[in-house]
Amino acid sequence: DEPTSSLDPEMVKEVLDVMVALAEQGTTMICVTHEMGFAREVADRVI
């Protein structure tokens, strides 16, 4: 499920920052999101 869908808007940035850090470490993730700018910035591939 979308990782930020039920969060308070103030918490969204914190969660996205953690996901960026994980991606920078080379962690493989499959993520469903409406945050398309975030997806394009972080992902190696967007479907």
N, C-alpha and C. Protein backbone atom coordinates (compact mmCIF):
# COMPACT_ATOMS: atom_id res chain seq x y z
N ASP A 1 0.85 -1.19 0.00
CA ASP A 1 0.00 0.00 0.00
C ASP A 1 0.88 1.24 0.00
N GLU A 2 0.34 2.33 -0.42
CA GLU A 2 1.10 3.57 -0.47
C GLU A 2 1.61 3.92 0.93
N PRO A 3 2.93 4.10 1.08
CA PRO A 3 3.52 4.29 2.41
C PRO A 3 3.10 5.57 3.13
N THR A 4 2.64 6.57 2.41
CA THR A 4 2.30 7.84 3.05
C THR A 4 0.80 8.12 3.04
N SER A 5 -0.01 7.18 2.60
CA SER A 5 -1.43 7.45 2.37
C SER A 5 -2.21 7.85 3.61
N SER A 6 -1.91 7.28 4.75
CA SER A 6 -2.71 7.57 5.95
C SER A 6 -1.96 8.42 6.97
N LEU A 7 -0.87 9.03 6.54
CA LEU A 7 -0.07 9.83 7.47
C LEU A 7 -0.56 11.27 7.55
N ASP A 8 -0.29 11.86 8.69
CA ASP A 8 -0.46 13.30 8.86
C ASP A 8 0.49 13.97 7.86
N PRO A 9 0.06 15.00 7.17
CA PRO A 9 0.92 15.65 6.17
C PRO A 9 2.30 16.04 6.70
N GLU A 10 2.41 16.34 7.97
CA GLU A 10 3.70 16.70 8.55
C GLU A 10 4.66 15.52 8.61
N MET A 11 4.13 14.30 8.61
CA MET A 11 4.97 13.11 8.69
C MET A 11 5.42 12.61 7.31
N VAL A 12 4.77 13.05 6.27
CA VAL A 12 5.06 12.54 4.92
C VAL A 12 6.52 12.77 4.57
N LYS A 13 7.04 13.97 4.78
CA LYS A 13 8.43 14.28 4.43
C LYS A 13 9.39 13.37 5.16
N GLU A 14 9.13 13.10 6.42
CA GLU A 14 10.02 12.23 7.20
C GLU A 14 10.07 10.83 6.59
N VAL A 15 8.92 10.29 6.23
CA VAL A 15 8.88 8.95 5.63
C VAL A 15 9.58 8.95 4.28
N LEU A 16 9.34 9.96 3.46
CA LEU A 16 10.00 10.03 2.16
C LEU A 16 11.51 10.16 2.32
N ASP A 17 11.96 10.90 3.32
CA ASP A 17 13.40 11.03 3.58
C ASP A 17 14.02 9.67 3.93
N VAL A 18 13.32 8.88 4.72
CA VAL A 18 13.81 7.54 5.07
C VAL A 18 13.90 6.68 3.81
N MET A 19 12.90 6.78 2.95
CA MET A 19 12.91 5.99 1.72
C MET A 19 14.05 6.41 0.79
N VAL A 20 14.35 7.70 0.74
CA VAL A 20 15.49 8.19 -0.05
C VAL A 20 16.78 7.61 0.51
N ALA A 21 16.94 7.64 1.82
CA ALA A 21 18.15 7.09 2.45
C ALA A 21 18.30 5.61 2.13
N LEU A 22 17.22 4.86 2.19
CA LEU A 22 17.27 3.43 1.86
C LEU A 22 17.67 3.22 0.41
N ALA A 23 17.11 4.01 -0.49
CA ALA A 23 17.45 3.89 -1.92
C ALA A 23 18.92 4.22 -2.15
N GLU A 24 19.43 5.23 -1.46
CA GLU A 24 20.84 5.61 -1.61
C GLU A 24 21.77 4.51 -1.11
N GLN A 25 21.30 3.70 -0.17
CA GLN A 25 22.09 2.57 0.34
C GLN A 25 22.01 1.36 -0.58
N GLY A 26 21.18 1.45 -1.61
CA GLY A 26 21.05 0.35 -2.56
C GLY A 26 19.96 -0.64 -2.22
N THR A 27 19.10 -0.30 -1.29
CA THR A 27 18.00 -1.17 -0.90
C THR A 27 17.00 -1.27 -2.05
N THR A 28 16.63 -2.50 -2.40
CA THR A 28 15.62 -2.72 -3.43
C THR A 28 14.24 -2.56 -2.82
N MET A 29 13.39 -1.75 -3.46
CA MET A 29 12.04 -1.53 -2.96
C MET A 29 11.05 -1.56 -4.12
N ILE A 30 9.87 -2.03 -3.83
CA ILE A 30 8.73 -1.88 -4.74
C ILE A 30 7.77 -0.97 -4.00
N CYS A 31 7.43 0.15 -4.61
CA CYS A 31 6.63 1.15 -3.92
C CYS A 31 5.48 1.61 -4.81
N VAL A 32 4.29 1.64 -4.24
CA VAL A 32 3.12 2.19 -4.92
C VAL A 32 2.86 3.56 -4.30
N THR A 33 2.82 4.60 -5.13
CA THR A 33 2.67 5.95 -4.59
C THR A 33 1.99 6.88 -5.59
N HIS A 34 1.36 7.90 -5.05
CA HIS A 34 0.82 8.98 -5.87
C HIS A 34 1.83 10.14 -5.94
N GLU A 35 2.91 10.03 -5.21
CA GLU A 35 3.97 11.05 -5.19
C GLU A 35 4.88 10.83 -6.40
N MET A 36 4.42 11.19 -7.59
CA MET A 36 5.15 10.87 -8.82
C MET A 36 6.49 11.58 -8.91
N GLY A 37 6.58 12.81 -8.45
CA GLY A 37 7.86 13.50 -8.45
C GLY A 37 8.88 12.77 -7.60
N PHE A 38 8.45 12.32 -6.45
CA PHE A 38 9.31 11.54 -5.56
C PHE A 38 9.74 10.25 -6.26
N ALA A 39 8.80 9.56 -6.87
CA ALA A 39 9.11 8.29 -7.54
C ALA A 39 10.15 8.50 -8.64
N ARG A 40 9.98 9.53 -9.44
CA ARG A 40 10.94 9.79 -10.53
C ARG A 40 12.31 10.16 -9.99
N GLU A 41 12.35 10.88 -8.89
CA GLU A 41 13.62 11.31 -8.30
C GLU A 41 14.40 10.14 -7.71
N VAL A 42 13.71 9.23 -7.07
CA VAL A 42 14.37 8.18 -6.29
C VAL A 42 14.55 6.88 -7.06
N ALA A 43 13.62 6.57 -7.94
CA ALA A 43 13.60 5.25 -8.57
C ALA A 43 14.60 5.11 -9.70
N ASP A 44 15.04 3.88 -9.90
CA ASP A 44 15.80 3.54 -11.10
C ASP A 44 14.85 3.31 -12.26
N ARG A 45 13.63 2.89 -11.91
CA ARG A 45 12.62 2.58 -12.93
C ARG A 45 11.23 2.88 -12.38
N VAL A 46 10.41 3.57 -13.17
CA VAL A 46 9.03 3.88 -12.79
C VAL A 46 8.12 3.24 -13.82
N ILE A 47 7.14 2.50 -13.34
CA ILE A 47 6.20 1.81 -14.24
C ILE A 47 4.83 2.43 -14.07
